[in-house]
């Protein structure tokens, strides 16, 4: 499960073969996770999500470089040298949610050593991303004011402890990707995102299956309704400097992303993950 565009070689297998493979793997994952329970989130967010404070300072790096060639065709080639931290978009998005819901930063306490922070990070990552902790139960991170500051100081430690790239391949909700996305489904999804944003920031899978021109996770934390539709404001693990916008057009009942350094721009399908047992 890639966190960016795929090369031509990566999408050369026939659709039916890739669908069958995905379905088999994802069915197995669903059976393994069948004992999980539905989350019961707090009725409202304890505080607003702040992009400059509640996100990581580092990026999920790209394996490929994307560009328009001399004929205007969107193409790619592998980055040289290869990145040190890539294919972690689902891991990074999940961790942002876990730190927001289940951790509390206390800059008034003294800075701790790496061994202490390693254990605290592991506790946060072991917490349930579908069920926020009560304020009194949150894991306290001493010495720093927020996640952005903490990740700037302890980038290597967080990268090592937040989860491996393989976890982006086996996220529980990937089974939904192989099924068709109707315009009715996407309209209901836009309404669901608006409703769930009252509770917490949302991890959203954006995809163009079976094309795989994009297969990515973002964290939606705000929404602005316009005459044409809804602008969902999101944190993109690939682009930590500024928020991005996931657009929803009411007339066509379609989501879209603008062009960036890994996607040419255009229509995407979107659905929320990490909010109930089968997602």
C-alpha atoms as a PDB file:
ATOM      1  CA  UNK A   1       0.000   0.000   0.000  1.00  0.00           C
ATOM      2  CA  UNK A   2       1.858   3.061  -1.230  1.00  0.00           C
ATOM      3  CA  UNK A   3       1.635   6.499   0.319  1.00  0.00           C
ATOM      4  CA  UNK A   4       2.219   8.216  -3.030  1.00  0.00           C
ATOM      5  CA  UNK A   5       1.890   7.663  -6.733  1.00  0.00           C
ATOM      6  CA  UNK A   6       2.959   4.357  -8.196  1.00  0.00           C
ATOM      7  CA  UNK A   7       5.282   3.850 -11.139  1.00  0.00           C
ATOM      8  CA  UNK A   8       4.169   2.239 -14.399  1.00  0.00           C
ATOM      9  CA  UNK A   9       5.750  -1.028 -13.306  1.00  0.00           C
ATOM     10  CA  UNK A  10       3.785  -0.978 -10.087  1.00  0.00           C
ATOM     11  CA  UNK A  11       0.389  -0.765 -11.831  1.00  0.00           C
ATOM     12  CA  UNK A  12       1.048  -3.158 -14.710  1.00  0.00           C
ATOM     13  CA  UNK A  13      -0.844  -6.107 -13.194  1.00  0.00           C
ATOM     14  CA  UNK A  14      -4.427  -6.603 -14.483  1.00  0.00           C
ATOM     15  CA  UNK A  15      -7.220  -5.061 -12.454  1.00  0.00           C
ATOM     16  CA  UNK A  16      -8.869  -8.378 -11.653  1.00  0.00           C
ATOM     17  CA  UNK A  17      -5.619  -9.831 -10.381  1.00  0.00           C
ATOM     18  CA  UNK A  18      -4.861  -6.854  -8.163  1.00  0.00           C
ATOM     19  CA  UNK A  19      -8.436  -6.721  -6.875  1.00  0.00           C
ATOM     20  CA  UNK A  20      -8.396 -10.423  -6.022  1.00  0.00           C
ATOM     21  CA  UNK A  21      -5.097 -10.080  -4.203  1.00  0.00           C
ATOM     22  CA  UNK A  22      -6.250  -7.022  -2.245  1.00  0.00           C
ATOM     23  CA  UNK A  23      -9.546  -8.661  -1.346  1.00  0.00           C
ATOM     24  CA  UNK A  24      -7.859 -11.829  -0.099  1.00  0.00           C
ATOM     25  CA  UNK A  25      -5.414  -9.933   2.085  1.00  0.00           C
ATOM     26  CA  UNK A  26      -8.001  -7.494   3.415  1.00  0.00           C
ATOM     27  CA  UNK A  27     -10.538 -10.235   4.154  1.00  0.00           C
ATOM     28  CA  UNK A  28      -7.916 -11.950   6.271  1.00  0.00           C
ATOM     29  CA  UNK A  29      -7.246  -8.695   8.118  1.00  0.00           C
ATOM     30  CA  UNK A  30     -10.959  -8.199   8.791  1.00  0.00           C
ATOM     31  CA  UNK A  31     -11.265 -11.706  10.234  1.00  0.00           C
ATOM     32  CA  UNK A  32      -8.263 -11.116  12.471  1.00  0.00           C
ATOM     33  CA  UNK A  33      -9.728  -7.856  13.719  1.00  0.00           C
ATOM     34  CA  UNK A  34     -13.262  -9.134  14.187  1.00  0.00           C
ATOM     35  CA  UNK A  35     -13.071  -8.976  17.967  1.00  0.00           C
ATOM     36  CA  UNK A  36     -12.448  -5.223  17.965  1.00  0.00           C
ATOM     37  CA  UNK A  37     -15.094  -2.911  19.347  1.00  0.00           C
ATOM     38  CA  UNK A  38     -16.650   0.277  18.044  1.00  0.00           C
ATOM     39  CA  UNK A  39     -15.194   3.431  19.550  1.00  0.00           C
ATOM     40  CA  UNK A  40     -17.165   5.809  21.711  1.00  0.00           C
ATOM     41  CA  UNK A  41     -15.508   9.204  21.188  1.00  0.00           C
ATOM     42  CA  UNK A  42     -15.979  12.219  23.394  1.00  0.00           C
ATOM     43  CA  UNK A  43     -19.002  14.297  22.255  1.00  0.00           C
ATOM     44  CA  UNK A  44     -16.830  17.298  21.333  1.00  0.00           C
ATOM     45  CA  UNK A  45     -13.142  18.012  20.889  1.00  0.00           C
ATOM     46  CA  UNK A  46     -11.403  18.974  24.118  1.00  0.00           C
ATOM     47  CA  UNK A  47      -9.651  21.755  22.144  1.00  0.00           C
ATOM     48  CA  UNK A  48      -9.283  22.822  18.506  1.00  0.00           C
ATOM     49  CA  UNK A  49      -6.638  21.096  16.394  1.00  0.00           C
ATOM     50  CA  UNK A  50      -3.759  23.501  15.706  1.00  0.00           C
ATOM     51  CA  UNK A  51      -1.782  22.724  12.546  1.00  0.00           C
ATOM     52  CA  UNK A  52       1.355  24.494  13.804  1.00  0.00           C
ATOM     53  CA  UNK A  53       1.298  22.594  17.091  1.00  0.00           C
ATOM     54  CA  UNK A  54      -0.407  19.231  16.546  1.00  0.00           C
ATOM     55  CA  UNK A  55       1.540  17.916  13.535  1.00  0.00           C
ATOM     56  CA  UNK A  56       5.015  16.508  12.933  1.00  0.00           C
ATOM     57  CA  UNK A  57       7.823  18.839  11.843  1.00  0.00           C
ATOM     58  CA  UNK A  58       9.263  16.234   9.455  1.00  0.00           C
ATOM     59  CA  UNK A  59       7.842  14.762   6.247  1.00  0.00           C
ATOM     60  CA  UNK A  60       6.952  11.333   4.991  1.00  0.00           C
ATOM     61  CA  UNK A  61       9.405  11.450   2.096  1.00  0.00           C
ATOM     62  CA  UNK A  62       8.648  10.458  -1.493  1.00  0.00           C
ATOM     63  CA  UNK A  63      10.219   7.413  -3.132  1.00  0.00           C
ATOM     64  CA  UNK A  64       9.584   8.937  -6.578  1.00  0.00           C
ATOM     65  CA  UNK A  65      10.057  12.361  -8.106  1.00  0.00           C
ATOM     66  CA  UNK A  66       7.075  13.478 -10.199  1.00  0.00           C
ATOM     67  CA  UNK A  67       7.019  16.036 -12.979  1.00  0.00           C
ATOM     68  CA  UNK A  68       5.617  16.919 -16.399  1.00  0.00           C
ATOM     69  CA  UNK A  69       7.983  15.914 -19.205  1.00  0.00           C
ATOM     70  CA  UNK A  70       8.685  17.952 -22.350  1.00  0.00           C
ATOM     71  CA  UNK A  71       5.422  16.665 -23.859  1.00  0.00           C
ATOM     72  CA  UNK A  72       3.389  17.693 -20.834  1.00  0.00           C
ATOM     73  CA  UNK A  73       2.921  14.110 -19.640  1.00  0.00           C
ATOM     74  CA  UNK A  74       2.936  13.475 -15.892  1.00  0.00           C
ATOM     75  CA  UNK A  75       5.763  11.037 -15.220  1.00  0.00           C
ATOM     76  CA  UNK A  76       8.173   9.951 -12.495  1.00  0.00           C
ATOM     77  CA  UNK A  77      11.544   8.443 -11.661  1.00  0.00           C
ATOM     78  CA  UNK A  78      13.053   7.076  -8.474  1.00  0.00           C
ATOM     79  CA  UNK A  79      14.748   9.544  -6.186  1.00  0.00           C
ATOM     80  CA  UNK A  80      18.497   9.310  -5.831  1.00  0.00           C
ATOM     81  CA  UNK A  81      19.663   8.848  -3.196  1.00  0.00           C
ATOM     82  CA  UNK A  82      16.588   7.005  -1.905  1.00  0.00           C
ATOM     83  CA  UNK A  83      14.752   8.588   1.038  1.00  0.00           C
ATOM     84  CA  UNK A  84      15.388   7.458   4.598  1.00  0.00           C
ATOM     85  CA  UNK A  85      11.759   7.737   5.709  1.00  0.00           C
ATOM     86  CA  UNK A  86       9.030   6.924   3.195  1.00  0.00           C
ATOM     87  CA  UNK A  87       5.755   4.988   2.744  1.00  0.00           C
ATOM     88  CA  UNK A  88       4.680   5.950   6.275  1.00  0.00           C
ATOM     89  CA  UNK A  89       1.702   8.199   5.450  1.00  0.00           C
ATOM     90  CA  UNK A  90      -0.886   6.033   7.252  1.00  0.00           C
ATOM     91  CA  UNK A  91       1.480   5.589  10.199  1.00  0.00           C
ATOM     92  CA  UNK A  92       2.139   9.340  10.465  1.00  0.00           C
ATOM     93  CA  UNK A  93      -1.552  10.246  10.125  1.00  0.00           C
ATOM     94  CA  UNK A  94      -2.537   7.712  12.784  1.00  0.00           C
ATOM     95  CA  UNK A  95       0.206   8.926  15.141  1.00  0.00           C
ATOM     96  CA  UNK A  96      -0.944  12.547  14.791  1.00  0.00           C
ATOM     97  CA  UNK A  97      -4.412  11.441  15.843  1.00  0.00           C
ATOM     98  CA  UNK A  98      -3.037   9.395  18.769  1.00  0.00           C
ATOM     99  CA  UNK A  99      -0.915  12.249  20.085  1.00  0.00           C
ATOM    100  CA  UNK A 100      -3.848  14.671  19.782  1.00  0.00           C
ATOM    101  CA  UNK A 101      -6.333  12.346  21.505  1.00  0.00           C
ATOM    102  CA  UNK A 102      -4.181  10.471  23.985  1.00  0.00           C
ATOM    103  CA  UNK A 103      -1.163  12.611  24.923  1.00  0.00           C
ATOM    104  CA  UNK A 104      -0.649  15.906  26.722  1.00  0.00           C
ATOM    105  CA  UNK A 105       2.494  18.028  26.498  1.00  0.00           C
ATOM    106  CA  UNK A 106       3.803  19.807  29.587  1.00  0.00           C
ATOM    107  CA  UNK A 107       6.590  22.340  28.888  1.00  0.00           C
ATOM    108  CA  UNK A 108       6.837  23.190  32.595  1.00  0.00           C
ATOM    109  CA  UNK A 109       8.331  19.797  33.407  1.00  0.00           C
ATOM    110  CA  UNK A 110      12.064  19.236  32.759  1.00  0.00           C
ATOM    111  CA  UNK A 111      13.242  17.661  29.514  1.00  0.00           C
ATOM    112  CA  UNK A 112      13.689  13.897  29.928  1.00  0.00           C
ATOM    113  CA  UNK A 113      16.214  11.484  28.441  1.00  0.00           C
ATOM    114  CA  UNK A 114      15.732   9.416  25.277  1.00  0.00           C
ATOM    115  CA  UNK A 115      14.897   6.244  27.212  1.00  0.00           C
ATOM    116  CA  UNK A 116      11.992   8.004  28.933  1.00  0.00           C
ATOM    117  CA  UNK A 117      10.689   9.497  25.710  1.00  0.00           C
ATOM    118  CA  UNK A 118      10.985   6.135  23.945  1.00  0.00           C
ATOM    119  CA  UNK A 119       8.705   4.546  26.535  1.00  0.00           C
ATOM    120  CA  UNK A 120       6.237   7.439  26.391  1.00  0.00           C
ATOM    121  CA  UNK A 121       6.061   7.323  22.588  1.00  0.00           C
ATOM    122  CA  UNK A 122       5.456   3.578  22.722  1.00  0.00           C
ATOM    123  CA  UNK A 123       2.595   4.122  25.150  1.00  0.00           C
ATOM    124  CA  UNK A 124       0.998   6.701  22.861  1.00  0.00           C
ATOM    125  CA  UNK A 125       1.346   4.467  19.793  1.00  0.00           C
ATOM    126  CA  UNK A 126      -0.077   1.508  21.741  1.00  0.00           C
ATOM    127  CA  UNK A 127      -3.162   3.556  22.648  1.00  0.00           C
ATOM    128  CA  UNK A 128      -6.389   3.002  20.733  1.00  0.00           C
ATOM    129  CA  UNK A 129      -6.674   5.506  17.841  1.00  0.00           C
ATOM    130  CA  UNK A 130     -10.431   4.879  17.755  1.00  0.00           C
ATOM    131  CA  UNK A 131     -11.098   5.662  21.435  1.00  0.00           C
ATOM    132  CA  UNK A 132      -9.784   8.910  22.977  1.00  0.00           C
ATOM    133  CA  UNK A 133      -8.482   8.791  26.511  1.00  0.00           C
ATOM    134  CA  UNK A 134     -10.054  10.889  29.218  1.00  0.00           C
ATOM    135  CA  UNK A 135      -8.061  14.026  30.014  1.00  0.00           C
ATOM    136  CA  UNK A 136      -6.977  12.558  33.357  1.00  0.00           C
ATOM    137  CA  UNK A 137      -5.653   9.425  31.628  1.00  0.00           C
ATOM    138  CA  UNK A 138      -3.636  11.122  28.884  1.00  0.00           C
ATOM    139  CA  UNK A 139       0.061  10.306  28.573  1.00  0.00           C
ATOM    140  CA  UNK A 140       2.139  13.291  29.669  1.00  0.00           C
ATOM    141  CA  UNK A 141       5.130  14.276  27.499  1.00  0.00           C
ATOM    142  CA  UNK A 142       7.417  16.474  29.640  1.00  0.00           C
ATOM    143  CA  UNK A 143       9.658  19.305  28.514  1.00  0.00           C
ATOM    144  CA  UNK A 144       7.870  20.357  25.315  1.00  0.00           C
ATOM    145  CA  UNK A 145       4.833  22.480  24.488  1.00  0.00           C
ATOM    146  CA  UNK A 146       3.449  20.476  21.551  1.00  0.00           C
ATOM    147  CA  UNK A 147       4.041  17.720  19.002  1.00  0.00           C
ATOM    148  CA  UNK A 148       5.637  20.002  16.419  1.00  0.00           C
ATOM    149  CA  UNK A 149       8.256  21.138  18.930  1.00  0.00           C
ATOM    150  CA  UNK A 150       8.776  17.610  20.276  1.00  0.00           C
ATOM    151  CA  UNK A 151       9.180  16.096  16.785  1.00  0.00           C
ATOM    152  CA  UNK A 152      11.687  18.756  15.802  1.00  0.00           C
ATOM    153  CA  UNK A 153      13.848  17.832  18.794  1.00  0.00           C
ATOM    154  CA  UNK A 154      13.355  14.046  18.622  1.00  0.00           C
ATOM    155  CA  UNK A 155      12.770  13.285  14.951  1.00  0.00           C
ATOM    156  CA  UNK A 156      14.850  10.090  14.809  1.00  0.00           C
ATOM    157  CA  UNK A 157      13.255   8.676  17.944  1.00  0.00           C
ATOM    158  CA  UNK A 158       9.716   9.301  16.712  1.00  0.00           C
ATOM    159  CA  UNK A 159      10.448   7.861  13.280  1.00  0.00           C
ATOM    160  CA  UNK A 160      11.822   4.716  14.907  1.00  0.00           C
ATOM    161  CA  UNK A 161       8.964   4.237  17.376  1.00  0.00           C
ATOM    162  CA  UNK A 162       5.772   5.377  15.635  1.00  0.00           C
ATOM    163  CA  UNK A 163       5.532   2.315  13.396  1.00  0.00           C
ATOM    164  CA  UNK A 164       6.985   0.675  10.308  1.00  0.00           C
ATOM    165  CA  UNK A 165       6.087   1.272   6.667  1.00  0.00           C
ATOM    166  CA  UNK A 166       4.480  -2.194   6.570  1.00  0.00           C
ATOM    167  CA  UNK A 167       1.674  -0.821   8.763  1.00  0.00           C
ATOM    168  CA  UNK A 168       0.603   1.432   5.895  1.00  0.00           C
ATOM    169  CA  UNK A 169       0.005  -1.731   3.844  1.00  0.00           C
ATOM    170  CA  UNK A 170      -2.202  -3.508   6.381  1.00  0.00           C
ATOM    171  CA  UNK A 171      -4.374  -0.708   7.744  1.00  0.00           C
ATOM    172  CA  UNK A 172      -7.695  -2.286   8.699  1.00  0.00           C
ATOM    173  CA  UNK A 173      -9.879  -0.133   6.453  1.00  0.00           C
ATOM    174  CA  UNK A 174      -8.079  -0.867   3.177  1.00  0.00           C
ATOM    175  CA  UNK A 175     -10.764  -3.396   2.232  1.00  0.00           C
ATOM    176  CA  UNK A 176     -13.068  -0.492   1.318  1.00  0.00           C
ATOM    177  CA  UNK A 177     -10.689   0.740  -1.364  1.00  0.00           C
ATOM    178  CA  UNK A 178     -11.393  -2.164  -3.734  1.00  0.00           C
ATOM    179  CA  UNK A 179     -15.151  -1.540  -3.831  1.00  0.00           C
ATOM    180  CA  UNK A 180     -16.815   1.034  -6.108  1.00  0.00           C
ATOM    181  CA  UNK A 181     -17.382   4.567  -4.821  1.00  0.00           C
ATOM    182  CA  UNK A 182     -20.755   5.905  -5.903  1.00  0.00           C
ATOM    183  CA  UNK A 183     -21.554   9.625  -5.971  1.00  0.00           C
ATOM    184  CA  UNK A 184     -24.189   8.916  -3.331  1.00  0.00           C
ATOM    185  CA  UNK A 185     -21.535   7.339  -1.093  1.00  0.00           C
ATOM    186  CA  UNK A 186     -19.211  10.305  -1.513  1.00  0.00           C
ATOM    187  CA  UNK A 187     -21.999  12.773  -0.729  1.00  0.00           C
ATOM    188  CA  UNK A 188     -22.788  10.877   2.476  1.00  0.00           C
ATOM    189  CA  UNK A 189     -19.081  10.731   3.281  1.00  0.00           C
ATOM    190  CA  UNK A 190     -18.796  14.523   3.039  1.00  0.00           C
ATOM    191  CA  UNK A 191     -21.722  14.813   5.469  1.00  0.00           C
ATOM    192  CA  UNK A 192     -20.102  12.253   7.773  1.00  0.00           C
ATOM    193  CA  UNK A 193     -16.830  14.163   7.825  1.00  0.00           C
ATOM    194  CA  UNK A 194     -18.631  17.382   8.744  1.00  0.00           C
ATOM    195  CA  UNK A 195     -20.458  15.583  11.555  1.00  0.00           C
ATOM    196  CA  UNK A 196     -17.406  13.755  12.937  1.00  0.00           C
ATOM    197  CA  UNK A 197     -15.232  16.871  12.899  1.00  0.00           C
ATOM    198  CA  UNK A 198     -17.177  18.046  15.936  1.00  0.00           C
ATOM    199  CA  UNK A 199     -15.588  15.155  17.848  1.00  0.00           C
ATOM    200  CA  UNK A 200     -11.925  15.094  16.722  1.00  0.00           C
ATOM    201  CA  UNK A 201      -9.566  15.382  13.729  1.00  0.00           C
ATOM    202  CA  UNK A 202     -10.250  12.663  11.151  1.00  0.00           C
ATOM    203  CA  UNK A 203      -7.909  10.317   9.294  1.00  0.00           C
ATOM    204  CA  UNK A 204      -9.077  10.108   5.676  1.00  0.00           C
ATOM    205  CA  UNK A 205      -7.923   7.713   2.950  1.00  0.00           C
ATOM    206  CA  UNK A 206      -7.794   9.349  -0.507  1.00  0.00           C
ATOM    207  CA  UNK A 207      -7.477   6.968  -3.435  1.00  0.00           C
ATOM    208  CA  UNK A 208      -8.088   6.332  -7.141  1.00  0.00           C
ATOM    209  CA  UNK A 209      -8.320   2.517  -7.138  1.00  0.00           C
ATOM    210  CA  UNK A 210      -7.575   0.589  -9.318  1.00  0.00           C
ATOM    211  CA  UNK A 211      -5.590   3.342 -11.024  1.00  0.00           C
ATOM    212  CA  UNK A 212      -3.403   3.948  -7.937  1.00  0.00           C
ATOM    213  CA  UNK A 213      -2.395   7.378  -9.146  1.00  0.00           C
ATOM    214  CA  UNK A 214      -2.905   8.326  -5.503  1.00  0.00           C
ATOM    215  CA  UNK A 215      -3.208   6.139  -2.403  1.00  0.00           C
ATOM    216  CA  UNK A 216      -2.663   8.313   0.614  1.00  0.00           C
ATOM    217  CA  UNK A 217      -3.753   9.274   4.133  1.00  0.00           C
ATOM    218  CA  UNK A 218      -4.369  12.803   5.404  1.00  0.00           C
ATOM    219  CA  UNK A 219      -5.731  14.248   8.655  1.00  0.00           C
ATOM    220  CA  UNK A 220      -8.781  16.460   8.131  1.00  0.00           C
ATOM    221  CA  UNK A 221      -9.160  18.944  10.985  1.00  0.00           C
ATOM    222  CA  UNK A 222     -11.431  21.724   9.718  1.00  0.00           C
ATOM    223  CA  UNK A 223     -14.091  22.429   7.086  1.00  0.00           C
ATOM    224  CA  UNK A 224     -15.338  25.568   5.378  1.00  0.00           C
ATOM    225  CA  UNK A 225     -18.622  25.454   3.498  1.00  0.00           C
ATOM    226  CA  UNK A 226     -18.822  27.488   0.296  1.00  0.00           C
ATOM    227  CA  UNK A 227     -21.471  28.067  -2.352  1.00  0.00           C
ATOM    228  CA  UNK A 228     -19.944  25.300  -4.492  1.00  0.00           C
ATOM    229  CA  UNK A 229     -19.254  22.757  -1.775  1.00  0.00           C
ATOM    230  CA  UNK A 230     -16.965  22.117   1.187  1.00  0.00           C
ATOM    231  CA  UNK A 231     -13.269  22.867   1.636  1.00  0.00           C
ATOM    232  CA  UNK A 232     -11.864  20.287   4.047  1.00  0.00           C
ATOM    233  CA  UNK A 233      -8.615  21.562   5.570  1.00  0.00           C
ATOM    234  CA  UNK A 234      -6.083  18.799   6.182  1.00  0.00           C
ATOM    235  CA  UNK A 235      -2.581  17.900   7.339  1.00  0.00           C
ATOM    236  CA  UNK A 236      -0.673  16.005   4.649  1.00  0.00           C
ATOM    237  CA  UNK A 237       2.169  13.824   6.042  1.00  0.00           C
ATOM    238  CA  UNK A 238       4.089  14.456   2.806  1.00  0.00           C
ATOM    239  CA  UNK A 239       3.888  18.253   3.156  1.00  0.00           C
ATOM    240  CA  UNK A 240       4.306  19.357   6.792  1.00  0.00           C
ATOM    241  CA  UNK A 241       4.892  23.072   6.082  1.00  0.00           C
ATOM    242  CA  UNK A 242       1.302  24.067   5.316  1.00  0.00           C
ATOM    243  CA  UNK A 243      -2.231  22.620   5.356  1.00  0.00           C
ATOM    244  CA  UNK A 244      -3.784  21.304   2.161  1.00  0.00           C
ATOM    245  CA  UNK A 245      -7.412  21.412   1.009  1.00  0.00           C
ATOM    246  CA  UNK A 246      -9.537  18.405   0.106  1.00  0.00           C
ATOM    247  CA  UNK A 247     -12.371  19.829  -1.982  1.00  0.00           C
ATOM    248  CA  UNK A 248     -15.898  18.481  -2.188  1.00  0.00           C
ATOM    249  CA  UNK A 249     -18.067  19.692  -5.054  1.00  0.00           C
ATOM    250  CA  UNK A 250     -21.788  19.460  -4.268  1.00  0.00           C
ATOM    251  CA  UNK A 251     -22.905  19.572  -7.919  1.00  0.00           C
ATOM    252  CA  UNK A 252     -20.838  16.563  -8.992  1.00  0.00           C
ATOM    253  CA  UNK A 253     -20.689  14.984  -5.520  1.00  0.00           C
ATOM    254  CA  UNK A 254     -16.964  14.536  -6.002  1.00  0.00           C
ATOM    255  CA  UNK A 255     -13.818  15.048  -3.912  1.00  0.00           C
ATOM    256  CA  UNK A 256     -10.690  16.551  -5.479  1.00  0.00           C
ATOM    257  CA  UNK A 257      -7.134  17.484  -4.568  1.00  0.00           C
ATOM    258  CA  UNK A 258      -5.088  20.210  -6.192  1.00  0.00           C
ATOM    259  CA  UNK A 259      -1.723  19.506  -7.843  1.00  0.00           C
ATOM    260  CA  UNK A 260       1.309  19.042  -5.616  1.00  0.00           C
ATOM    261  CA  UNK A 261       4.714  17.374  -5.737  1.00  0.00           C
ATOM    262  CA  UNK A 262       3.280  13.838  -5.872  1.00  0.00           C
ATOM    263  CA  UNK A 263      -0.167  14.185  -7.490  1.00  0.00           C
ATOM    264  CA  UNK A 264      -1.102  15.851 -10.751  1.00  0.00           C
ATOM    265  CA  UNK A 265      -4.361  17.037  -9.255  1.00  0.00           C
ATOM    266  CA  UNK A 266      -7.972  16.085  -9.915  1.00  0.00           C
ATOM    267  CA  UNK A 267     -10.725  13.815  -8.703  1.00  0.00           C
ATOM    268  CA  UNK A 268     -10.152  11.440  -5.803  1.00  0.00           C
ATOM    269  CA  UNK A 269     -12.336   9.125  -3.776  1.00  0.00           C
ATOM    270  CA  UNK A 270     -12.259   9.626  -0.014  1.00  0.00           C
ATOM    271  CA  UNK A 271     -13.405   7.770   3.052  1.00  0.00           C
ATOM    272  CA  UNK A 272     -12.810   8.027   6.789  1.00  0.00           C
ATOM    273  CA  UNK A 273     -10.739   5.416   8.622  1.00  0.00           C
ATOM    274  CA  UNK A 274      -9.847   4.772  12.281  1.00  0.00           C
ATOM    275  CA  UNK A 275     -13.329   5.440  13.583  1.00  0.00           C
ATOM    276  CA  UNK A 276     -14.967   2.011  14.020  1.00  0.00           C
ATOM    277  CA  UNK A 277     -14.017  -1.665  14.208  1.00  0.00           C
ATOM    278  CA  UNK A 278     -13.880  -2.438  10.465  1.00  0.00           C
ATOM    279  CA  UNK A 279     -12.145   0.783   9.468  1.00  0.00           C
END
